[in-house]
Amino acid sequence: MMRVSSTHQQEPSTEHPIRIGLDTSKRLFQVHGVDARERVVRRRQLKRDQLLGFFA
């Protein structure tokens, strides 16, 4: 569920993910991000040593 502040006057950015999914059941992590309109804006495969750098 997404909460929207009543003081927020602008639409959320459609270029930046508002929700990120992470599949950790494989050797490679699958990262999937969607914007406010539920469109995919990020999709990557990451190795374990790349994961923290990606989220930094």
N, C-alpha and C. Protein backbone atom coordinates (compact mmCIF):
# COMPACT_ATOMS: atom_id res chain seq x y z
N MET A 1 0.84 -1.17 0.00
CA MET A 1 0.00 0.00 0.00
C MET A 1 0.89 1.23 0.00
N MET A 2 0.58 2.22 -0.82
CA MET A 2 1.37 3.44 -0.91
C MET A 2 0.64 4.56 -0.18
N ARG A 3 1.36 5.27 0.65
CA ARG A 3 0.80 6.43 1.34
C ARG A 3 1.28 7.69 0.64
N VAL A 4 0.40 8.64 0.50
CA VAL A 4 0.74 9.92 -0.11
C VAL A 4 0.49 11.01 0.91
N SER A 5 1.49 11.82 1.15
CA SER A 5 1.36 12.93 2.09
C SER A 5 0.44 14.00 1.51
N SER A 6 -0.38 14.59 2.35
CA SER A 6 -1.28 15.65 1.88
C SER A 6 -0.52 16.92 1.52
N THR A 7 0.73 17.06 1.98
CA THR A 7 1.53 18.24 1.64
C THR A 7 2.28 18.05 0.33
N HIS A 8 2.26 16.85 -0.22
CA HIS A 8 2.96 16.55 -1.46
C HIS A 8 2.11 17.04 -2.63
N GLN A 9 2.59 18.04 -3.36
CA GLN A 9 1.80 18.67 -4.42
C GLN A 9 2.12 18.13 -5.81
N GLN A 10 3.28 17.50 -6.00
CA GLN A 10 3.67 17.04 -7.32
C GLN A 10 3.40 15.56 -7.48
N GLU A 11 3.25 15.14 -8.74
CA GLU A 11 3.14 13.73 -9.05
C GLU A 11 4.48 13.06 -8.76
N PRO A 12 4.49 11.80 -8.34
CA PRO A 12 5.76 11.10 -8.16
C PRO A 12 6.50 11.00 -9.49
N SER A 13 7.80 11.01 -9.43
CA SER A 13 8.62 10.91 -10.63
C SER A 13 8.37 9.58 -11.32
N THR A 14 8.26 9.62 -12.64
CA THR A 14 8.06 8.38 -13.38
C THR A 14 9.38 7.78 -13.83
N GLU A 15 10.49 8.44 -13.54
CA GLU A 15 11.79 7.94 -13.95
C GLU A 15 12.48 7.16 -12.84
N HIS A 16 12.04 7.32 -11.62
CA HIS A 16 12.69 6.68 -10.48
C HIS A 16 11.75 5.65 -9.87
N PRO A 17 12.31 4.52 -9.47
CA PRO A 17 11.44 3.49 -8.90
C PRO A 17 10.87 3.91 -7.55
N ILE A 18 9.62 3.57 -7.33
CA ILE A 18 9.01 3.79 -6.02
C ILE A 18 8.92 2.48 -5.25
N ARG A 19 9.06 1.37 -5.98
CA ARG A 19 9.03 0.05 -5.35
C ARG A 19 10.05 -0.83 -6.06
N ILE A 20 10.81 -1.57 -5.27
CA ILE A 20 11.84 -2.45 -5.82
C ILE A 20 11.60 -3.86 -5.30
N GLY A 21 11.60 -4.82 -6.21
CA GLY A 21 11.49 -6.23 -5.85
C GLY A 21 12.85 -6.87 -6.00
N LEU A 22 13.16 -7.82 -5.12
CA LEU A 22 14.45 -8.48 -5.14
C LEU A 22 14.26 -9.97 -4.98
N ASP A 23 14.66 -10.74 -5.99
CA ASP A 23 14.57 -12.19 -5.95
C ASP A 23 15.92 -12.72 -5.47
N THR A 24 15.94 -13.34 -4.32
CA THR A 24 17.20 -13.80 -3.71
C THR A 24 17.36 -15.31 -3.76
N SER A 25 16.55 -16.00 -4.52
CA SER A 25 16.58 -17.46 -4.49
C SER A 25 17.56 -18.08 -5.49
N LYS A 26 18.35 -17.28 -6.15
CA LYS A 26 19.27 -17.79 -7.16
C LYS A 26 20.69 -17.31 -6.85
N ARG A 27 21.61 -17.73 -7.65
CA ARG A 27 22.99 -17.25 -7.50
C ARG A 27 23.10 -15.78 -7.85
N LEU A 28 22.32 -15.37 -8.83
CA LEU A 28 22.26 -13.96 -9.21
C LEU A 28 20.99 -13.36 -8.63
N PHE A 29 21.10 -12.14 -8.13
CA PHE A 29 19.94 -11.44 -7.61
C PHE A 29 19.24 -10.74 -8.78
N GLN A 30 17.94 -10.87 -8.86
CA GLN A 30 17.14 -10.19 -9.87
C GLN A 30 16.51 -8.98 -9.21
N VAL A 31 16.81 -7.78 -9.73
CA VAL A 31 16.25 -6.55 -9.20
C VAL A 31 15.24 -6.01 -10.21
N HIS A 32 14.06 -5.64 -9.70
CA HIS A 32 12.97 -5.18 -10.55
C HIS A 32 12.36 -3.96 -9.87
N GLY A 33 12.37 -2.80 -10.54
CA GLY A 33 11.81 -1.58 -9.96
C GLY A 33 10.72 -1.01 -10.84
N VAL A 34 9.64 -0.53 -10.22
CA VAL A 34 8.55 0.08 -10.96
C VAL A 34 8.33 1.51 -10.47
N ASP A 35 7.80 2.35 -11.37
CA ASP A 35 7.52 3.74 -11.02
C ASP A 35 6.09 3.87 -10.49
N ALA A 36 5.64 5.08 -10.28
CA ALA A 36 4.32 5.34 -9.70
C ALA A 36 3.19 4.84 -10.60
N ARG A 37 3.46 4.69 -11.86
CA ARG A 37 2.44 4.19 -12.80
C ARG A 37 2.58 2.69 -13.05
N GLU A 38 3.38 2.02 -12.21
CA GLU A 38 3.61 0.57 -12.30
C GLU A 38 4.34 0.16 -13.58
N ARG A 39 5.08 1.08 -14.18
CA ARG A 39 5.89 0.74 -15.35
C ARG A 39 7.28 0.36 -14.88
N VAL A 40 7.88 -0.64 -15.52
CA VAL A 40 9.23 -1.09 -15.15
C VAL A 40 10.24 -0.02 -15.52
N VAL A 41 11.03 0.41 -14.53
CA VAL A 41 12.08 1.41 -14.79
C VAL A 41 13.47 0.85 -14.48
N ARG A 42 13.55 -0.26 -13.77
CA ARG A 42 14.83 -0.91 -13.49
C ARG A 42 14.64 -2.41 -13.57
N ARG A 43 15.58 -3.06 -14.24
CA ARG A 43 15.60 -4.52 -14.28
C ARG A 43 17.05 -4.93 -14.48
N ARG A 44 17.61 -5.60 -13.48
CA ARG A 44 19.02 -5.98 -13.56
C ARG A 44 19.27 -7.29 -12.86
N GLN A 45 20.33 -7.94 -13.28
CA GLN A 45 20.87 -9.09 -12.58
C GLN A 45 22.13 -8.62 -11.88
N LEU A 46 22.27 -8.97 -10.61
CA LEU A 46 23.44 -8.54 -9.85
C LEU A 46 24.06 -9.73 -9.14
N LYS A 47 25.38 -9.73 -9.10
CA LYS A 47 26.09 -10.72 -8.28
C LYS A 47 26.07 -10.24 -6.84
N ARG A 48 26.32 -11.16 -5.93
CA ARG A 48 26.28 -10.84 -4.49
C ARG A 48 27.15 -9.63 -4.14
N ASP A 49 28.35 -9.55 -4.71
CA ASP A 49 29.25 -8.45 -4.36
C ASP A 49 28.85 -7.11 -5.01
N GLN A 50 27.90 -7.11 -5.92
CA GLN A 50 27.43 -5.88 -6.57
C GLN A 50 26.18 -5.30 -5.89
N LEU A 51 25.54 -6.08 -5.04
CA LEU A 51 24.23 -5.71 -4.50
C LEU A 51 24.27 -4.43 -3.66
N LEU A 52 25.16 -4.34 -2.71
CA LEU A 52 25.22 -3.15 -1.85
C LEU A 52 25.56 -1.89 -2.65
N GLY A 53 26.46 -2.00 -3.60
CA GLY A 53 26.82 -0.87 -4.44
C GLY A 53 25.64 -0.36 -5.26
N PHE A 54 24.81 -1.26 -5.73
CA PHE A 54 23.64 -0.88 -6.52
C PHE A 54 22.67 -0.04 -5.68
N PHE A 55 22.44 -0.44 -4.43
CA PHE A 55 21.49 0.29 -3.60
C PHE A 55 22.09 1.53 -2.96
N ALA A 56 23.41 1.65 -2.97
CA ALA A 56 24.04 2.87 -2.43
C ALA A 56 23.80 3.98 -3.40
